[in-house]
C-alpha atoms as a PDB file:
ATOM      1  CA  MET A   1     -11.905  27.218  -4.667  1.00  0.00           C
ATOM      2  CA  VAL A   2     -11.067  23.740  -3.351  1.00  0.00           C
ATOM      3  CA  LYS A   3      -9.209  23.779  -0.021  1.00  0.00           C
ATOM      4  CA  VAL A   4      -6.594  21.034   0.325  1.00  0.00           C
ATOM      5  CA  ALA A   5      -4.912  20.224   3.657  1.00  0.00           C
ATOM      6  CA  ILE A   6      -1.393  18.980   2.904  1.00  0.00           C
ATOM      7  CA  ASP A   7       0.551  16.929   5.439  1.00  0.00           C
ATOM      8  CA  VAL A   8       3.916  18.611   4.866  1.00  0.00           C
ATOM      9  CA  MET A   9       5.839  16.470   7.357  1.00  0.00           C
ATOM     10  CA  GLY A  10       4.702  13.016   6.247  1.00  0.00           C
ATOM     11  CA  GLY A  11       7.008  11.961   3.405  1.00  0.00           C
ATOM     12  CA  ASP A  12      10.247   9.965   3.553  1.00  0.00           C
ATOM     13  CA  PHE A  13      12.265  12.880   2.158  1.00  0.00           C
ATOM     14  CA  GLY A  14      10.993  15.629   4.442  1.00  0.00           C
ATOM     15  CA  PRO A  15       8.986  18.765   3.625  1.00  0.00           C
ATOM     16  CA  ALA A  16      10.948  19.996   0.568  1.00  0.00           C
ATOM     17  CA  PRO A  17       9.434  17.798  -2.206  1.00  0.00           C
ATOM     18  CA  ILE A  18       5.959  18.149  -0.691  1.00  0.00           C
ATOM     19  CA  LEU A  19       6.158  21.928  -0.684  1.00  0.00           C
ATOM     20  CA  GLU A  20       7.550  21.925  -4.209  1.00  0.00           C
ATOM     21  CA  GLY A  21       4.717  19.673  -5.360  1.00  0.00           C
ATOM     22  CA  ALA A  22       2.150  21.944  -3.723  1.00  0.00           C
ATOM     23  CA  LEU A  23       3.547  24.891  -5.678  1.00  0.00           C
ATOM     24  CA  LEU A  24       3.684  22.974  -8.969  1.00  0.00           C
ATOM     25  CA  ALA A  25       0.015  22.053  -8.517  1.00  0.00           C
ATOM     26  CA  TYR A  26      -0.966  25.659  -7.733  1.00  0.00           C
ATOM     27  CA  LYS A  27       0.776  26.945 -10.853  1.00  0.00           C
ATOM     28  CA  GLN A  28      -1.271  24.594 -13.020  1.00  0.00           C
ATOM     29  CA  LYS A  29      -4.583  24.615 -11.181  1.00  0.00           C
ATOM     30  CA  LYS A  30      -5.622  27.180  -8.602  1.00  0.00           C
ATOM     31  CA  TYR A  31      -6.659  25.836  -5.204  1.00  0.00           C
ATOM     32  CA  GLN A  32      -6.294  26.863  -1.547  1.00  0.00           C
ATOM     33  CA  PRO A  33      -3.240  25.152  -0.017  1.00  0.00           C
ATOM     34  CA  ILE A  34      -3.347  24.563   3.743  1.00  0.00           C
ATOM     35  CA  LEU A  35       0.155  23.533   4.819  1.00  0.00           C
ATOM     36  CA  VAL A  36       0.191  21.464   8.007  1.00  0.00           C
ATOM     37  CA  GLY A  37       3.505  21.025   9.809  1.00  0.00           C
ATOM     38  CA  ASP A  38       6.415  22.792  11.483  1.00  0.00           C
ATOM     39  CA  ARG A  39       5.932  26.472  10.680  1.00  0.00           C
ATOM     40  CA  ALA A  40       9.653  27.268  10.874  1.00  0.00           C
ATOM     41  CA  GLU A  41      10.511  24.475   8.437  1.00  0.00           C
ATOM     42  CA  ILE A  42       7.715  25.456   6.070  1.00  0.00           C
ATOM     43  CA  GLU A  43       8.698  29.115   6.022  1.00  0.00           C
ATOM     44  CA  LYS A  44      12.348  28.170   5.495  1.00  0.00           C
ATOM     45  CA  LEU A  45      11.796  25.724   2.632  1.00  0.00           C
ATOM     46  CA  ALA A  46       8.666  26.946   0.815  1.00  0.00           C
ATOM     47  CA  ALA A  47       8.866  29.344  -2.115  1.00  0.00           C
ATOM     48  CA  LYS A  48       7.533  32.851  -1.486  1.00  0.00           C
ATOM     49  CA  GLU A  49       4.887  32.308  -4.153  1.00  0.00           C
ATOM     50  CA  LEU A  50       3.495  29.324  -2.257  1.00  0.00           C
ATOM     51  CA  LEU A  51       3.630  31.071   1.114  1.00  0.00           C
ATOM     52  CA  SER A  52       1.752  34.051  -0.290  1.00  0.00           C
ATOM     53  CA  VAL A  53      -1.296  31.926  -1.180  1.00  0.00           C
ATOM     54  CA  SER A  54      -1.181  29.376   1.641  1.00  0.00           C
ATOM     55  CA  LYS A  55      -2.517  29.048   5.146  1.00  0.00           C
ATOM     56  CA  ILE A  56      -0.132  27.394   7.631  1.00  0.00           C
ATOM     57  CA  VAL A  57      -1.401  25.188  10.455  1.00  0.00           C
ATOM     58  CA  GLU A  58       1.262  24.500  13.073  1.00  0.00           C
ATOM     59  CA  SER A  59       1.930  20.951  14.258  1.00  0.00           C
ATOM     60  CA  SER A  60       4.688  19.773  16.561  1.00  0.00           C
ATOM     61  CA  ASP A  61       4.555  16.000  16.052  1.00  0.00           C
ATOM     62  CA  VAL A  62       5.073  13.544  13.190  1.00  0.00           C
ATOM     63  CA  ILE A  63       3.968   9.888  13.138  1.00  0.00           C
ATOM     64  CA  GLY A  64       6.931   7.891  11.832  1.00  0.00           C
ATOM     65  CA  MET A  65       6.556   5.097   9.292  1.00  0.00           C
ATOM     66  CA  ASP A  66       7.795   2.551  11.849  1.00  0.00           C
ATOM     67  CA  GLU A  67       5.295   3.585  14.529  1.00  0.00           C
ATOM     68  CA  SER A  68       1.952   1.968  15.243  1.00  0.00           C
ATOM     69  CA  ALA A  69      -1.138   3.355  13.531  1.00  0.00           C
ATOM     70  CA  THR A  70      -3.149   2.558  16.663  1.00  0.00           C
ATOM     71  CA  ASP A  71      -1.546   5.547  18.396  1.00  0.00           C
ATOM     72  CA  ALA A  72      -2.750   7.982  15.735  1.00  0.00           C
ATOM     73  CA  MET A  73      -5.879   9.024  17.640  1.00  0.00           C
ATOM     74  CA  LYS A  74      -3.796   9.997  20.681  1.00  0.00           C
ATOM     75  CA  ARG A  75      -1.246  12.040  18.715  1.00  0.00           C
ATOM     76  CA  LYS A  76      -3.345  15.179  18.426  1.00  0.00           C
ATOM     77  CA  GLU A  77      -0.356  17.391  17.644  1.00  0.00           C
ATOM     78  CA  SER A  78       0.773  15.244  14.688  1.00  0.00           C
ATOM     79  CA  SER A  79       0.619  16.727  11.205  1.00  0.00           C
ATOM     80  CA  ILE A  80      -1.678  14.000   9.850  1.00  0.00           C
ATOM     81  CA  PHE A  81      -4.085  14.317  12.825  1.00  0.00           C
ATOM     82  CA  LYS A  82      -4.391  18.056  12.308  1.00  0.00           C
ATOM     83  CA  ALA A  83      -4.708  17.728   8.507  1.00  0.00           C
ATOM     84  CA  VAL A  84      -7.542  15.188   8.811  1.00  0.00           C
ATOM     85  CA  ASN A  85      -9.189  17.267  11.517  1.00  0.00           C
ATOM     86  CA  LEU A  86      -9.352  20.238   9.137  1.00  0.00           C
ATOM     87  CA  VAL A  87     -11.562  18.144   6.836  1.00  0.00           C
ATOM     88  CA  LYS A  88     -13.684  16.977   9.762  1.00  0.00           C
ATOM     89  CA  GLU A  89     -14.254  20.573  10.884  1.00  0.00           C
ATOM     90  CA  GLY A  90     -15.090  21.719   7.348  1.00  0.00           C
ATOM     91  CA  GLU A  91     -12.034  23.962   7.106  1.00  0.00           C
ATOM     92  CA  ALA A  92     -10.624  21.846   4.247  1.00  0.00           C
ATOM     93  CA  ASP A  93     -12.289  19.827   1.491  1.00  0.00           C
ATOM     94  CA  ALA A  94      -9.552  17.218   1.152  1.00  0.00           C
ATOM     95  CA  VAL A  95      -6.392  15.921   2.795  1.00  0.00           C
ATOM     96  CA  VAL A  96      -3.245  14.723   1.016  1.00  0.00           C
ATOM     97  CA  SER A  97      -0.559  12.808   2.920  1.00  0.00           C
ATOM     98  CA  ALA A  98       2.559  10.846   1.990  1.00  0.00           C
ATOM     99  CA  GLY A  99       2.982   9.870   5.617  1.00  0.00           C
ATOM    100  CA  HIS A 100       1.932   6.819   7.620  1.00  0.00           C
ATOM    101  CA  SER A 101      -0.821   5.245   5.504  1.00  0.00           C
ATOM    102  CA  GLY A 102      -2.301   3.301   8.424  1.00  0.00           C
ATOM    103  CA  ALA A 103      -2.598   6.482  10.474  1.00  0.00           C
ATOM    104  CA  SER A 104      -4.177   8.312   7.532  1.00  0.00           C
ATOM    105  CA  MET A 105      -6.752   5.553   7.027  1.00  0.00           C
ATOM    106  CA  SER A 106      -7.601   5.221  10.713  1.00  0.00           C
ATOM    107  CA  LEU A 107      -7.962   8.935  11.306  1.00  0.00           C
ATOM    108  CA  ALA A 108      -9.995   9.546   8.160  1.00  0.00           C
ATOM    109  CA  THR A 109     -12.351   6.662   8.931  1.00  0.00           C
ATOM    110  CA  VAL A 110     -12.906   7.598  12.577  1.00  0.00           C
ATOM    111  CA  LYS A 111     -12.770  11.396  12.501  1.00  0.00           C
ATOM    112  CA  ILE A 112     -14.232  12.245   9.090  1.00  0.00           C
ATOM    113  CA  GLY A 113     -16.548   9.244   9.186  1.00  0.00           C
ATOM    114  CA  ARG A 114     -17.890   6.814   6.634  1.00  0.00           C
ATOM    115  CA  ILE A 115     -20.456   7.536   3.946  1.00  0.00           C
ATOM    116  CA  LYS A 116     -23.875   6.302   5.037  1.00  0.00           C
ATOM    117  CA  GLY A 117     -24.148   2.607   4.204  1.00  0.00           C
ATOM    118  CA  VAL A 118     -20.417   1.952   3.797  1.00  0.00           C
ATOM    119  CA  ILE A 119     -19.171  -0.892   5.994  1.00  0.00           C
ATOM    120  CA  ARG A 120     -15.463  -0.406   5.336  1.00  0.00           C
ATOM    121  CA  PRO A 121     -13.592   2.201   3.281  1.00  0.00           C
ATOM    122  CA  ALA A 122     -11.135   0.893   0.688  1.00  0.00           C
ATOM    123  CA  ILE A 123      -7.945   2.207  -0.884  1.00  0.00           C
ATOM    124  CA  ALA A 124      -8.222   2.365  -4.670  1.00  0.00           C
ATOM    125  CA  THR A 125      -5.265   2.681  -7.011  1.00  0.00           C
ATOM    126  CA  LEU A 126      -4.816   2.916 -10.766  1.00  0.00           C
ATOM    127  CA  MET A 127      -2.801   0.236 -12.544  1.00  0.00           C
ATOM    128  CA  PRO A 128      -1.275   0.637 -16.029  1.00  0.00           C
ATOM    129  CA  THR A 129      -2.396  -1.451 -19.001  1.00  0.00           C
ATOM    130  CA  HIS A 130      -0.985  -1.905 -22.497  1.00  0.00           C
ATOM    131  CA  THR A 131      -3.878   0.213 -23.777  1.00  0.00           C
ATOM    132  CA  ASP A 132      -4.539   3.909 -23.146  1.00  0.00           C
ATOM    133  CA  LYS A 133      -6.904   3.139 -20.263  1.00  0.00           C
ATOM    134  CA  LYS A 134      -6.107   2.366 -16.622  1.00  0.00           C
ATOM    135  CA  THR A 135      -7.542  -0.280 -14.296  1.00  0.00           C
ATOM    136  CA  LEU A 136      -8.798   0.725 -10.857  1.00  0.00           C
ATOM    137  CA  VAL A 137      -7.972  -1.894  -8.215  1.00  0.00           C
ATOM    138  CA  LEU A 138      -9.506  -1.913  -4.733  1.00  0.00           C
ATOM    139  CA  ASP A 139      -8.837  -2.692  -1.982  1.00  0.00           C
ATOM    140  CA  VAL A 140      -5.028  -2.461  -1.967  1.00  0.00           C
ATOM    141  CA  GLY A 141      -4.341  -2.395   1.736  1.00  0.00           C
ATOM    142  CA  ALA A 142      -7.053  -1.013   3.999  1.00  0.00           C
ATOM    143  CA  ASN A 143      -8.810  -4.328   4.743  1.00  0.00           C
ATOM    144  CA  VAL A 144      -6.733  -7.496   4.983  1.00  0.00           C
ATOM    145  CA  ASP A 145      -9.684  -9.756   5.807  1.00  0.00           C
ATOM    146  CA  CYS A 146     -12.893  -9.164   3.876  1.00  0.00           C
ATOM    147  CA  LYS A 147     -16.362 -10.633   3.829  1.00  0.00           C
ATOM    148  CA  SER A 148     -18.512 -10.869   0.720  1.00  0.00           C
ATOM    149  CA  ASP A 149     -20.466  -7.723   1.650  1.00  0.00           C
ATOM    150  CA  HIS A 150     -17.230  -5.743   1.755  1.00  0.00           C
ATOM    151  CA  LEU A 151     -16.203  -6.958  -1.704  1.00  0.00           C
ATOM    152  CA  TYR A 152     -19.660  -6.136  -3.049  1.00  0.00           C
ATOM    153  CA  GLN A 153     -19.399  -2.585  -1.748  1.00  0.00           C
ATOM    154  CA  PHE A 154     -15.893  -2.203  -3.189  1.00  0.00           C
ATOM    155  CA  GLY A 155     -17.408  -2.955  -6.593  1.00  0.00           C
ATOM    156  CA  VAL A 156     -20.082  -0.285  -6.129  1.00  0.00           C
ATOM    157  CA  MET A 157     -17.547   2.299  -4.945  1.00  0.00           C
ATOM    158  CA  GLY A 158     -15.109   1.462  -7.738  1.00  0.00           C
ATOM    159  CA  GLU A 159     -17.824   1.864 -10.348  1.00  0.00           C
ATOM    160  CA  ALA A 160     -18.780   5.253  -8.880  1.00  0.00           C
ATOM    161  CA  TYR A 161     -15.188   6.497  -8.930  1.00  0.00           C
ATOM    162  CA  ILE A 162     -14.526   5.430 -12.525  1.00  0.00           C
ATOM    163  CA  LYS A 163     -17.822   6.920 -13.700  1.00  0.00           C
ATOM    164  CA  ASN A 164     -17.427  10.271 -11.997  1.00  0.00           C
ATOM    165  CA  ILE A 165     -13.686  10.853 -12.275  1.00  0.00           C
ATOM    166  CA  PHE A 166     -12.965   9.317 -15.686  1.00  0.00           C
ATOM    167  CA  GLY A 167     -16.346   9.697 -17.336  1.00  0.00           C
ATOM    168  CA  ILE A 168     -16.693   6.016 -18.297  1.00  0.00           C
ATOM    169  CA  LYS A 169     -20.450   5.632 -18.673  1.00  0.00           C
ATOM    170  CA  GLN A 170     -20.613   1.838 -18.577  1.00  0.00           C
ATOM    171  CA  PRO A 171     -17.594   0.572 -16.651  1.00  0.00           C
ATOM    172  CA  LYS A 172     -16.783  -3.118 -16.435  1.00  0.00           C
ATOM    173  CA  VAL A 173     -16.234  -4.432 -12.910  1.00  0.00           C
ATOM    174  CA  GLY A 174     -14.521  -7.762 -12.298  1.00  0.00           C
ATOM    175  CA  LEU A 175     -13.935  -9.835  -9.153  1.00  0.00           C
ATOM    176  CA  LEU A 176     -10.352 -11.076  -8.780  1.00  0.00           C
ATOM    177  CA  ALA A 177     -10.167 -14.857  -8.462  1.00  0.00           C
ATOM    178  CA  ASN A 178      -7.978 -17.812  -9.411  1.00  0.00           C
ATOM    179  CA  GLY A 179     -10.098 -18.520 -12.471  1.00  0.00           C
ATOM    180  CA  GLU A 180     -12.925 -17.049 -14.529  1.00  0.00           C
ATOM    181  CA  GLU A 181     -15.491 -19.688 -13.547  1.00  0.00           C
ATOM    182  CA  LYS A 182     -17.938 -18.625 -10.841  1.00  0.00           C
ATOM    183  CA  SER A 183     -16.924 -21.684  -8.816  1.00  0.00           C
ATOM    184  CA  LYS A 184     -13.390 -20.281  -8.359  1.00  0.00           C
ATOM    185  CA  GLY A 185     -12.112 -18.353  -5.371  1.00  0.00           C
ATOM    186  CA  ASN A 186     -12.391 -18.698  -1.604  1.00  0.00           C
ATOM    187  CA  GLU A 187     -15.735 -18.621   0.176  1.00  0.00           C
ATOM    188  CA  ALA A 188     -15.834 -14.826   0.433  1.00  0.00           C
ATOM    189  CA  VAL A 189     -15.171 -14.467  -3.304  1.00  0.00           C
ATOM    190  CA  LYS A 190     -17.787 -17.085  -4.210  1.00  0.00           C
ATOM    191  CA  GLN A 191     -20.398 -15.375  -2.037  1.00  0.00           C
ATOM    192  CA  ALA A 192     -19.437 -11.968  -3.414  1.00  0.00           C
ATOM    193  CA  TYR A 193     -19.928 -13.305  -6.942  1.00  0.00           C
ATOM    194  CA  GLU A 194     -23.518 -14.235  -6.132  1.00  0.00           C
ATOM    195  CA  LYS A 195     -24.182 -10.756  -4.708  1.00  0.00           C
ATOM    196  CA  MET A 196     -22.452  -8.863  -7.509  1.00  0.00           C
ATOM    197  CA  LYS A 197     -23.966 -10.762 -10.432  1.00  0.00           C
ATOM    198  CA  ASP A 198     -27.057  -8.534 -10.376  1.00  0.00           C
ATOM    199  CA  LEU A 199     -24.981  -5.373 -10.858  1.00  0.00           C
ATOM    200  CA  LYS A 200     -25.176  -4.162 -14.456  1.00  0.00           C
ATOM    201  CA  CYS A 201     -21.481  -3.326 -14.389  1.00  0.00           C
ATOM    202  CA  PHE A 202     -20.366  -6.785 -13.210  1.00  0.00           C
ATOM    203  CA  VAL A 203     -18.621  -8.970 -15.802  1.00  0.00           C
ATOM    204  CA  GLY A 204     -17.741 -11.901 -13.530  1.00  0.00           C
ATOM    205  CA  ASN A 205     -14.486 -13.261 -12.208  1.00  0.00           C
ATOM    206  CA  VAL A 206     -11.202 -12.021 -13.637  1.00  0.00           C
ATOM    207  CA  GLU A 207      -7.626 -13.217 -13.230  1.00  0.00           C
ATOM    208  CA  GLY A 208      -4.416 -11.379 -12.447  1.00  0.00           C
ATOM    209  CA  ASN A 209      -3.480 -10.809 -16.094  1.00  0.00           C
ATOM    210  CA  ASN A 210      -6.770  -8.974 -16.690  1.00  0.00           C
ATOM    211  CA  VAL A 211      -5.586  -6.176 -14.402  1.00  0.00           C
ATOM    212  CA  PHE A 212      -3.092  -5.172 -17.095  1.00  0.00           C
ATOM    213  CA  ASP A 213      -4.814  -6.019 -20.390  1.00  0.00           C
ATOM    214  CA  GLY A 214      -7.484  -3.305 -20.385  1.00  0.00           C
ATOM    215  CA  SER A 215     -10.382  -5.758 -20.478  1.00  0.00           C
ATOM    216  CA  VAL A 216     -12.003  -4.364 -17.321  1.00  0.00           C
ATOM    217  CA  ASP A 217     -12.171  -0.942 -15.669  1.00  0.00           C
ATOM    218  CA  VAL A 218     -12.399  -2.014 -12.022  1.00  0.00           C
ATOM    219  CA  VAL A 219     -10.939  -5.060 -10.255  1.00  0.00           C
ATOM    220  CA  VAL A 220     -12.230  -5.953  -6.779  1.00  0.00           C
ATOM    221  CA  CYS A 221     -10.226  -7.889  -4.189  1.00  0.00           C
ATOM    222  CA  ASP A 222      -9.423  -7.888  -0.482  1.00  0.00           C
ATOM    223  CA  GLY A 223      -6.660  -5.661   0.854  1.00  0.00           C
ATOM    224  CA  PHE A 224      -4.180  -8.487   1.383  1.00  0.00           C
ATOM    225  CA  VAL A 225      -4.369  -9.732  -2.191  1.00  0.00           C
ATOM    226  CA  GLY A 226      -4.539  -6.179  -3.559  1.00  0.00           C
ATOM    227  CA  ASN A 227      -1.452  -5.018  -1.698  1.00  0.00           C
ATOM    228  CA  VAL A 228       0.554  -8.052  -2.810  1.00  0.00           C
ATOM    229  CA  LEU A 229      -0.622  -7.450  -6.381  1.00  0.00           C
ATOM    230  CA  LEU A 230       0.393  -3.789  -6.196  1.00  0.00           C
ATOM    231  CA  LYS A 231       3.856  -4.351  -4.708  1.00  0.00           C
ATOM    232  CA  THR A 232       4.595  -7.307  -6.998  1.00  0.00           C
ATOM    233  CA  SER A 233       3.606  -5.414 -10.139  1.00  0.00           C
ATOM    234  CA  GLU A 234       5.747  -2.433  -9.104  1.00  0.00           C
ATOM    235  CA  GLY A 235       8.710  -4.760  -8.590  1.00  0.00           C
ATOM    236  CA  VAL A 236       8.242  -6.614 -11.873  1.00  0.00           C
ATOM    237  CA  ALA A 237       7.827  -3.392 -13.846  1.00  0.00           C
ATOM    238  CA  GLU A 238      11.012  -1.914 -12.392  1.00  0.00           C
ATOM    239  CA  ALA A 239      12.915  -5.177 -12.967  1.00  0.00           C
ATOM    240  CA  VAL A 240      11.845  -5.296 -16.640  1.00  0.00           C
ATOM    241  CA  TYR A 241      12.792  -1.646 -17.086  1.00  0.00           C
ATOM    242  CA  GLN A 242      16.258  -2.179 -15.593  1.00  0.00           C
ATOM    243  CA  PHE A 243      16.758  -5.410 -17.574  1.00  0.00           C
ATOM    244  CA  MET A 244      16.043  -3.622 -20.848  1.00  0.00           C
ATOM    245  CA  LYS A 245      18.479  -0.831 -19.980  1.00  0.00           C
ATOM    246  CA  SER A 246      21.172  -3.362 -19.085  1.00  0.00           C
ATOM    247  CA  GLU A 247      20.751  -5.396 -22.284  1.00  0.00           C
ATOM    248  CA  ILE A 248      20.853  -2.304 -24.492  1.00  0.00           C
ATOM    249  CA  LYS A 249      24.192  -1.290 -22.974  1.00  0.00           C
ATOM    250  CA  LYS A 250      25.636  -4.752 -23.779  1.00  0.00           C
ATOM    251  CA  SER A 251      24.555  -4.823 -27.427  1.00  0.00           C
ATOM    252  CA  PRO A 252      26.376  -2.684 -30.065  1.00  0.00           C
ATOM    253  CA  ILE A 253      23.309  -2.880 -32.301  1.00  0.00           C
ATOM    254  CA  ALA A 254      21.043  -1.747 -29.504  1.00  0.00           C
ATOM    255  CA  ILE A 255      23.384   1.109 -28.609  1.00  0.00           C
ATOM    256  CA  GLY A 256      23.172   2.306 -32.219  1.00  0.00           C
ATOM    257  CA  GLY A 257      19.412   2.407 -31.941  1.00  0.00           C
ATOM    258  CA  ALA A 258      19.371   3.975 -28.473  1.00  0.00           C
ATOM    259  CA  LEU A 259      18.005   7.277 -29.751  1.00  0.00           C
ATOM    260  CA  LEU A 260      15.125   5.446 -31.378  1.00  0.00           C
ATOM    261  CA  MET A 261      14.456   3.607 -28.138  1.00  0.00           C
ATOM    262  CA  ARG A 262      14.475   6.731 -25.991  1.00  0.00           C
ATOM    263  CA  LYS A 263      10.818   7.525 -26.661  1.00  0.00           C
ATOM    264  CA  VAL A 264       9.866   3.943 -25.875  1.00  0.00           C
ATOM    265  CA  PHE A 265      11.745   4.078 -22.581  1.00  0.00           C
ATOM    266  CA  LYS A 266      10.132   7.362 -21.633  1.00  0.00           C
ATOM    267  CA  ALA A 267       6.693   5.938 -22.374  1.00  0.00           C
ATOM    268  CA  LEU A 268       7.437   2.795 -20.344  1.00  0.00           C
ATOM    269  CA  LYS A 269       8.736   4.810 -17.408  1.00  0.00           C
ATOM    270  CA  ARG A 270       5.664   7.011 -17.512  1.00  0.00           C
ATOM    271  CA  HIS A 271       3.329   4.022 -17.381  1.00  0.00           C
ATOM    272  CA  ILE A 272       5.022   2.355 -14.394  1.00  0.00           C
ATOM    273  CA  ASP A 273       5.940   5.476 -12.408  1.00  0.00           C
ATOM    274  CA  TYR A 274       3.761   5.891  -9.302  1.00  0.00           C
ATOM    275  CA  ALA A 275       4.393   9.638  -9.512  1.00  0.00           C
ATOM    276  CA  GLU A 276       2.132   9.768 -12.572  1.00  0.00           C
ATOM    277  CA  TYR A 277      -0.850   8.808 -10.406  1.00  0.00           C
ATOM    278  CA  GLY A 278       0.134  10.749  -7.291  1.00  0.00           C
ATOM    279  CA  GLY A 279      -1.773   8.784  -4.707  1.00  0.00           C
ATOM    280  CA  ALA A 280      -4.662   6.505  -3.896  1.00  0.00           C
ATOM    281  CA  PRO A 281      -8.083   7.748  -2.753  1.00  0.00           C
ATOM    282  CA  LEU A 282      -9.644   6.232   0.326  1.00  0.00           C
ATOM    283  CA  LEU A 283     -13.142   5.489  -0.968  1.00  0.00           C
ATOM    284  CA  GLY A 284     -16.051   5.327   1.452  1.00  0.00           C
ATOM    285  CA  VAL A 285     -15.234   8.244   3.782  1.00  0.00           C
ATOM    286  CA  LYS A 286     -17.340  11.393   3.758  1.00  0.00           C
ATOM    287  CA  GLY A 287     -14.558  13.732   2.730  1.00  0.00           C
ATOM    288  CA  CYS A 288     -11.627  13.229   0.381  1.00  0.00           C
ATOM    289  CA  THR A 289      -8.452  11.511   1.586  1.00  0.00           C
ATOM    290  CA  ILE A 290      -5.573  10.891  -0.834  1.00  0.00           C
ATOM    291  CA  ILE A 291      -2.850   8.544   0.416  1.00  0.00           C
ATOM    292  CA  SER A 292       0.465   9.051  -1.384  1.00  0.00           C
ATOM    293  CA  HIS A 293       3.577   6.881  -1.575  1.00  0.00           C
ATOM    294  CA  GLY A 294       6.074   7.555   1.212  1.00  0.00           C
ATOM    295  CA  LYS A 295       8.776   8.112  -1.392  1.00  0.00           C
ATOM    296  CA  SER A 296       6.700  10.674  -3.267  1.00  0.00           C
ATOM    297  CA  ASN A 297       8.622  13.328  -5.167  1.00  0.00           C
ATOM    298  CA  SER A 298       7.262  16.750  -6.098  1.00  0.00           C
ATOM    299  CA  LYS A 299       5.598  15.371  -9.223  1.00  0.00           C
ATOM    300  CA  ALA A 300       3.740  12.726  -7.213  1.00  0.00           C
ATOM    301  CA  ILE A 301       2.514  15.311  -4.699  1.00  0.00           C
ATOM    302  CA  LYS A 302       1.376  17.582  -7.513  1.00  0.00           C
ATOM    303  CA  ASN A 303      -0.658  14.773  -9.067  1.00  0.00           C
ATOM    304  CA  ALA A 304      -2.048  13.748  -5.667  1.00  0.00           C
ATOM    305  CA  ILE A 305      -3.347  17.285  -5.207  1.00  0.00           C
ATOM    306  CA  PHE A 306      -4.886  17.147  -8.694  1.00  0.00           C
ATOM    307  CA  GLN A 307      -6.614  13.903  -7.653  1.00  0.00           C
ATOM    308  CA  ALA A 308      -7.971  15.609  -4.548  1.00  0.00           C
ATOM    309  CA  ILE A 309      -9.308  18.561  -6.528  1.00  0.00           C
ATOM    310  CA  ASN A 310     -10.959  16.305  -9.122  1.00  0.00           C
ATOM    311  CA  PHE A 311     -12.483  14.171  -6.374  1.00  0.00           C
ATOM    312  CA  VAL A 312     -13.986  17.156  -4.556  1.00  0.00           C
ATOM    313  CA  GLU A 313     -15.338  18.674  -7.753  1.00  0.00           C
ATOM    314  CA  SER A 314     -16.965  15.393  -8.790  1.00  0.00           C
ATOM    315  CA  ASP A 315     -20.057  13.737  -7.318  1.00  0.00           C
ATOM    316  CA  VAL A 316     -18.431  10.484  -6.218  1.00  0.00           C
ATOM    317  CA  ASN A 317     -19.565  10.335  -2.603  1.00  0.00           C
ATOM    318  CA  ARG A 318     -23.192  11.173  -3.349  1.00  0.00           C
ATOM    319  CA  TYR A 319     -23.259   8.521  -6.065  1.00  0.00           C
ATOM    320  CA  ILE A 320     -21.789   5.930  -3.689  1.00  0.00           C
ATOM    321  CA  GLU A 321     -24.401   6.698  -1.026  1.00  0.00           C
ATOM    322  CA  GLN A 322     -27.273   6.503  -3.492  1.00  0.00           C
ATOM    323  CA  SER A 323     -25.978   3.240  -4.983  1.00  0.00           C
ATOM    324  CA  LEU A 324     -25.732   1.567  -1.586  1.00  0.00           C
ATOM    325  CA  LYS A 325     -29.244   2.470  -0.430  1.00  0.00           C
END
């Protein structure tokens, strides 16, 4: 049974939605929950069913979202430090946290360690498309400044994740640039193109619109560009959703067809809702680290735990190591 260390204290809304998400996940897929945080709070807020199947690891400190990630290594009593340490010591197979993402990344990279051959781990996230498939984008925040070797490795790791988790046998990997021609992009992107062109999965440069049209399975970029892309797309999607709701309320014709539109709205909300994906894996570390949104609700935590279980049960890390040899 997969053992998942859950940072109960990390989210913006406190332990309640995290504990609820842990229970929802257990009801659908059996795993060993290890709840890391304030024991009194956990025992007060968690359902008896969850407590009966969980191990509790006490922690007396929480790294706030406004605090520096550089202090994470010193905060040995923090919930995220102890959760990551459980993976390092082999007492857990994966860690899930909706807390300080910088602290999660730093601790996982230093304490759990990188896969042999990996220069820098990368955060990978799924983006919706107008087709049934999703696009994996990496990096979306772990590495602001990247060299060509980093981008090359992101492509290898992204291919491994898509192959092993989603079963896509021949994924298409694209390099994000300001044009499809190989002459486009900054120096790092141009050099990465030359290194990636020998990969069977590589389809060349792609542009921002290709992230959402289903034409590729993996899009590679540095963490600065990826994070801007992620936050911008979230904002645009929410703005379009709210605009449509507002216009329907103004139009008598649209109001009459509101029932017909309800399914469309539900589908749209499902595609743009971060809770559907749960969290983003940190690819390139030896264990499994899932970084969730700070505003994660119980549904998001549930899906983050599912991601962790699927990751552990797959062969992603071994494939990454073999590919980078």
